[in-house]
C-alpha atoms as a PDB file:
ATOM      1  CA  UNK A   1       0.000   0.000   0.000  1.00  0.00           C
ATOM      2  CA  UNK A   2       2.767   2.435   0.950  1.00  0.00           C
ATOM      3  CA  UNK A   3       4.711   1.791  -2.251  1.00  0.00           C
ATOM      4  CA  UNK A   4       1.655   2.445  -4.417  1.00  0.00           C
ATOM      5  CA  UNK A   5       0.841   5.681  -2.588  1.00  0.00           C
ATOM      6  CA  UNK A   6       4.451   6.840  -2.916  1.00  0.00           C
ATOM      7  CA  UNK A   7       3.932   6.721  -6.680  1.00  0.00           C
ATOM      8  CA  UNK A   8       1.923   9.940  -6.388  1.00  0.00           C
ATOM      9  CA  UNK A   9       4.852  11.777  -4.773  1.00  0.00           C
ATOM     10  CA  UNK A  10       7.792  13.069  -6.778  1.00  0.00           C
ATOM     11  CA  UNK A  11      10.654  14.248  -4.549  1.00  0.00           C
ATOM     12  CA  UNK A  12      12.649  11.918  -2.322  1.00  0.00           C
ATOM     13  CA  UNK A  13      12.275  14.329   0.593  1.00  0.00           C
ATOM     14  CA  UNK A  14       8.478  14.256   0.265  1.00  0.00           C
ATOM     15  CA  UNK A  15       8.581  10.458  -0.012  1.00  0.00           C
ATOM     16  CA  UNK A  16      10.444  10.312   3.304  1.00  0.00           C
ATOM     17  CA  UNK A  17       7.918  12.706   4.869  1.00  0.00           C
ATOM     18  CA  UNK A  18       5.004  10.682   3.482  1.00  0.00           C
ATOM     19  CA  UNK A  19       6.529   7.490   4.880  1.00  0.00           C
ATOM     20  CA  UNK A  20       6.751   9.224   8.263  1.00  0.00           C
ATOM     21  CA  UNK A  21       3.089  10.263   7.987  1.00  0.00           C
ATOM     22  CA  UNK A  22       2.139   6.715   7.014  1.00  0.00           C
ATOM     23  CA  UNK A  23       3.977   5.186   9.973  1.00  0.00           C
ATOM     24  CA  UNK A  24       2.616   7.799  12.366  1.00  0.00           C
ATOM     25  CA  UNK A  25      -1.080   7.564  11.460  1.00  0.00           C
ATOM     26  CA  UNK A  26      -1.709   4.153   9.818  1.00  0.00           C
ATOM     27  CA  UNK A  27      -2.861   2.430  13.036  1.00  0.00           C
ATOM     28  CA  UNK A  28      -5.169   5.274  14.033  1.00  0.00           C
ATOM     29  CA  UNK A  29      -6.612   5.418  10.525  1.00  0.00           C
ATOM     30  CA  UNK A  30      -7.142   1.656  10.382  1.00  0.00           C
ATOM     31  CA  UNK A  31      -8.945   1.731  13.737  1.00  0.00           C
ATOM     32  CA  UNK A  32     -11.289   4.481  12.520  1.00  0.00           C
ATOM     33  CA  UNK A  33     -11.990   2.607   9.267  1.00  0.00           C
ATOM     34  CA  UNK A  34     -12.613  -0.659  11.083  1.00  0.00           C
ATOM     35  CA  UNK A  35     -14.928   1.012  13.607  1.00  0.00           C
ATOM     36  CA  UNK A  36     -17.039   2.321  10.728  1.00  0.00           C
ATOM     37  CA  UNK A  37     -16.898  -0.657   8.363  1.00  0.00           C
ATOM     38  CA  UNK A  38     -16.684  -3.568  10.832  1.00  0.00           C
ATOM     39  CA  UNK A  39     -14.727  -5.630   8.295  1.00  0.00           C
ATOM     40  CA  UNK A  40     -10.922  -5.937   8.066  1.00  0.00           C
ATOM     41  CA  UNK A  41     -10.821  -6.167   4.250  1.00  0.00           C
ATOM     42  CA  UNK A  42     -13.058  -3.147   3.799  1.00  0.00           C
ATOM     43  CA  UNK A  43     -11.039  -1.237   6.407  1.00  0.00           C
ATOM     44  CA  UNK A  44      -7.828  -2.026   4.500  1.00  0.00           C
ATOM     45  CA  UNK A  45      -9.407  -0.870   1.245  1.00  0.00           C
ATOM     46  CA  UNK A  46     -10.585   2.377   2.845  1.00  0.00           C
ATOM     47  CA  UNK A  47      -7.115   2.867   4.329  1.00  0.00           C
ATOM     48  CA  UNK A  48      -5.550   2.442   0.898  1.00  0.00           C
ATOM     49  CA  UNK A  49      -7.963   4.924  -0.687  1.00  0.00           C
ATOM     50  CA  UNK A  50      -7.298   7.389   2.118  1.00  0.00           C
ATOM     51  CA  UNK A  51      -3.530   7.193   1.679  1.00  0.00           C
ATOM     52  CA  UNK A  52      -3.902   7.638  -2.077  1.00  0.00           C
ATOM     53  CA  UNK A  53      -6.001  10.738  -1.454  1.00  0.00           C
ATOM     54  CA  UNK A  54      -3.502  12.077   1.054  1.00  0.00           C
ATOM     55  CA  UNK A  55      -0.633  11.401  -1.361  1.00  0.00           C
ATOM     56  CA  UNK A  56      -2.418  13.323  -4.122  1.00  0.00           C
ATOM     57  CA  UNK A  57      -2.799  16.277  -1.745  1.00  0.00           C
ATOM     58  CA  UNK A  58       0.477  15.875   0.124  1.00  0.00           C
ATOM     59  CA  UNK A  59       1.756  19.316  -0.868  1.00  0.00           C
ATOM     60  CA  UNK A  60      -0.890  20.791   1.462  1.00  0.00           C
ATOM     61  CA  UNK A  61       0.691  19.120   4.511  1.00  0.00           C
ATOM     62  CA  UNK A  62       3.444  21.210   6.050  1.00  0.00           C
ATOM     63  CA  UNK A  63       4.122  19.351   9.292  1.00  0.00           C
ATOM     64  CA  UNK A  64       3.593  15.660  10.021  1.00  0.00           C
ATOM     65  CA  UNK A  65       3.200  15.598  13.805  1.00  0.00           C
ATOM     66  CA  UNK A  66       0.723  18.373  14.441  1.00  0.00           C
ATOM     67  CA  UNK A  67      -2.969  18.585  15.351  1.00  0.00           C
ATOM     68  CA  UNK A  68      -3.936  19.942  11.927  1.00  0.00           C
ATOM     69  CA  UNK A  69      -2.392  16.984  10.102  1.00  0.00           C
ATOM     70  CA  UNK A  70      -3.947  14.525  12.521  1.00  0.00           C
ATOM     71  CA  UNK A  71      -7.351  16.137  11.978  1.00  0.00           C
ATOM     72  CA  UNK A  72      -6.805  16.053   8.211  1.00  0.00           C
ATOM     73  CA  UNK A  73      -5.985  12.312   8.118  1.00  0.00           C
ATOM     74  CA  UNK A  74      -8.904  11.527  10.429  1.00  0.00           C
ATOM     75  CA  UNK A  75     -11.300  13.416   8.147  1.00  0.00           C
ATOM     76  CA  UNK A  76      -9.903  11.704   5.035  1.00  0.00           C
ATOM     77  CA  UNK A  77     -10.173   8.170   6.462  1.00  0.00           C
ATOM     78  CA  UNK A  78     -13.592   8.856   7.916  1.00  0.00           C
ATOM     79  CA  UNK A  79     -14.884  10.133   4.551  1.00  0.00           C
ATOM     80  CA  UNK A  80     -13.330   7.224   2.649  1.00  0.00           C
ATOM     81  CA  UNK A  81     -14.874   4.780   5.115  1.00  0.00           C
ATOM     82  CA  UNK A  82     -18.332   6.332   4.957  1.00  0.00           C
ATOM     83  CA  UNK A  83     -18.188   6.445   1.148  1.00  0.00           C
ATOM     84  CA  UNK A  84     -17.260   2.775   1.111  1.00  0.00           C
ATOM     85  CA  UNK A  85     -20.041   1.980   3.585  1.00  0.00           C
ATOM     86  CA  UNK A  86     -22.556   3.697   1.298  1.00  0.00           C
ATOM     87  CA  UNK A  87     -21.242   1.723  -1.659  1.00  0.00           C
ATOM     88  CA  UNK A  88     -21.489  -1.547   0.286  1.00  0.00           C
ATOM     89  CA  UNK A  89     -25.054  -0.757   1.395  1.00  0.00           C
ATOM     90  CA  UNK A  90     -26.090   0.056  -2.182  1.00  0.00           C
ATOM     91  CA  UNK A  91     -24.512  -3.183  -3.392  1.00  0.00           C
ATOM     92  CA  UNK A  92     -26.364  -5.225  -0.735  1.00  0.00           C
ATOM     93  CA  UNK A  93     -29.656  -3.499  -1.494  1.00  0.00           C
ATOM     94  CA  UNK A  94     -29.212  -4.253  -5.182  1.00  0.00           C
ATOM     95  CA  UNK A  95     -28.373  -7.920  -4.694  1.00  0.00           C
ATOM     96  CA  UNK A  96     -31.078 -10.288  -5.854  1.00  0.00           C
ATOM     97  CA  UNK A  97     -31.153 -14.013  -5.296  1.00  0.00           C
ATOM     98  CA  UNK A  98     -30.787 -15.250  -8.860  1.00  0.00           C
ATOM     99  CA  UNK A  99     -32.240 -18.640  -7.945  1.00  0.00           C
ATOM    100  CA  UNK A 100     -35.554 -16.971  -7.088  1.00  0.00           C
ATOM    101  CA  UNK A 101     -35.858 -15.327 -10.508  1.00  0.00           C
ATOM    102  CA  UNK A 102     -37.635 -17.138 -13.292  1.00  0.00           C
ATOM    103  CA  UNK A 103     -36.144 -15.734 -16.469  1.00  0.00           C
ATOM    104  CA  UNK A 104     -36.298 -17.881 -19.593  1.00  0.00           C
ATOM    105  CA  UNK A 105     -32.835 -18.632 -20.975  1.00  0.00           C
ATOM    106  CA  UNK A 106     -33.626 -16.994 -24.318  1.00  0.00           C
ATOM    107  CA  UNK A 107     -34.770 -13.703 -22.755  1.00  0.00           C
ATOM    108  CA  UNK A 108     -32.332 -10.948 -23.807  1.00  0.00           C
ATOM    109  CA  UNK A 109     -30.968  -8.696 -21.091  1.00  0.00           C
ATOM    110  CA  UNK A 110     -32.122  -5.038 -21.172  1.00  0.00           C
ATOM    111  CA  UNK A 111     -28.759  -3.773 -22.384  1.00  0.00           C
ATOM    112  CA  UNK A 112     -28.745  -6.395 -25.154  1.00  0.00           C
ATOM    113  CA  UNK A 113     -32.246  -5.300 -26.205  1.00  0.00           C
ATOM    114  CA  UNK A 114     -31.141  -1.667 -26.317  1.00  0.00           C
ATOM    115  CA  UNK A 115     -28.091  -2.510 -28.368  1.00  0.00           C
ATOM    116  CA  UNK A 116     -30.117  -4.723 -30.700  1.00  0.00           C
ATOM    117  CA  UNK A 117     -32.779  -2.072 -31.142  1.00  0.00           C
ATOM    118  CA  UNK A 118     -30.532   0.926 -31.645  1.00  0.00           C
ATOM    119  CA  UNK A 119     -27.183  -0.609 -32.366  1.00  0.00           C
ATOM    120  CA  UNK A 120     -23.846   0.124 -30.832  1.00  0.00           C
ATOM    121  CA  UNK A 121     -23.047   2.741 -33.447  1.00  0.00           C
ATOM    122  CA  UNK A 122     -26.226   4.715 -32.755  1.00  0.00           C
ATOM    123  CA  UNK A 123     -25.507   4.607 -29.028  1.00  0.00           C
ATOM    124  CA  UNK A 124     -21.963   5.872 -29.559  1.00  0.00           C
ATOM    125  CA  UNK A 125     -23.265   8.663 -31.788  1.00  0.00           C
ATOM    126  CA  UNK A 126     -25.830   9.677 -29.177  1.00  0.00           C
ATOM    127  CA  UNK A 127     -23.161   9.795 -26.467  1.00  0.00           C
ATOM    128  CA  UNK A 128     -20.889  11.905 -28.671  1.00  0.00           C
ATOM    129  CA  UNK A 129     -23.681  14.472 -29.062  1.00  0.00           C
ATOM    130  CA  UNK A 130     -23.862  15.070 -25.319  1.00  0.00           C
ATOM    131  CA  UNK A 131     -22.101  18.090 -23.846  1.00  0.00           C
ATOM    132  CA  UNK A 132     -18.534  17.128 -22.911  1.00  0.00           C
ATOM    133  CA  UNK A 133     -19.115  17.309 -19.142  1.00  0.00           C
ATOM    134  CA  UNK A 134     -22.100  14.907 -19.382  1.00  0.00           C
ATOM    135  CA  UNK A 135     -20.150  12.536 -21.594  1.00  0.00           C
ATOM    136  CA  UNK A 136     -17.191  12.603 -19.178  1.00  0.00           C
ATOM    137  CA  UNK A 137     -19.408  11.783 -16.186  1.00  0.00           C
ATOM    138  CA  UNK A 138     -21.089   8.904 -18.022  1.00  0.00           C
ATOM    139  CA  UNK A 139     -17.743   7.578 -19.212  1.00  0.00           C
ATOM    140  CA  UNK A 140     -16.067   7.732 -15.793  1.00  0.00           C
ATOM    141  CA  UNK A 141     -19.005   6.299 -13.837  1.00  0.00           C
ATOM    142  CA  UNK A 142     -20.365   3.743 -16.304  1.00  0.00           C
ATOM    143  CA  UNK A 143     -17.331   2.600 -18.224  1.00  0.00           C
ATOM    144  CA  UNK A 144     -14.483   3.205 -15.763  1.00  0.00           C
ATOM    145  CA  UNK A 145     -16.671   2.344 -12.716  1.00  0.00           C
ATOM    146  CA  UNK A 146     -15.712   5.411 -10.665  1.00  0.00           C
ATOM    147  CA  UNK A 147     -18.098   6.776  -8.072  1.00  0.00           C
ATOM    148  CA  UNK A 148     -19.750  10.115  -8.822  1.00  0.00           C
ATOM    149  CA  UNK A 149     -17.672  11.649  -6.049  1.00  0.00           C
ATOM    150  CA  UNK A 150     -14.380  10.436  -7.582  1.00  0.00           C
ATOM    151  CA  UNK A 151     -15.469  11.435 -11.075  1.00  0.00           C
ATOM    152  CA  UNK A 152     -16.278  14.949  -9.878  1.00  0.00           C
ATOM    153  CA  UNK A 153     -12.837  15.205  -8.289  1.00  0.00           C
ATOM    154  CA  UNK A 154     -11.143  14.079 -11.516  1.00  0.00           C
ATOM    155  CA  UNK A 155     -13.121  16.629 -13.518  1.00  0.00           C
ATOM    156  CA  UNK A 156     -12.682  19.415 -10.992  1.00  0.00           C
ATOM    157  CA  UNK A 157     -16.395  20.002 -10.534  1.00  0.00           C
ATOM    158  CA  UNK A 158     -18.568  19.833  -7.451  1.00  0.00           C
ATOM    159  CA  UNK A 159     -20.772  16.818  -6.895  1.00  0.00           C
ATOM    160  CA  UNK A 160     -23.914  18.969  -7.226  1.00  0.00           C
ATOM    161  CA  UNK A 161     -22.914  20.234 -10.678  1.00  0.00           C
ATOM    162  CA  UNK A 162     -23.089  16.688 -12.034  1.00  0.00           C
ATOM    163  CA  UNK A 163     -26.817  16.393 -11.399  1.00  0.00           C
END
């Protein structure tokens, strides 16, 4: 995890400082993530996302061992954990017991019907006619499987502007 996060940091001095931050706060951050998610694998995943986020914004951290930095890492891990919890809840709500469904084998799936009816080319043409910001959101969330929150960060827009 540390090695991957260090990939976001350029200078050797900042890499040493980031390693110090990692070693200083990783246990606290894991505890917060685990308290929220109640699952070690999910807590590890949230911890990884949090360190990636911190690495991307590492230039904003001036001092490692200070109350402001501690508050910053706590906020980041808490937000990553709550975002993951929301994603997990949505996934569980969307799960359907496939054995209970009675779908004939020859029944096309809705996306197959849409592609058969309109064709892939027509769909691509329709997407290309969208304003660039709409196309980018659809591409990042549907094709690249990013959350709306992450997509908005990549595009530099607020979450509300996407809607």
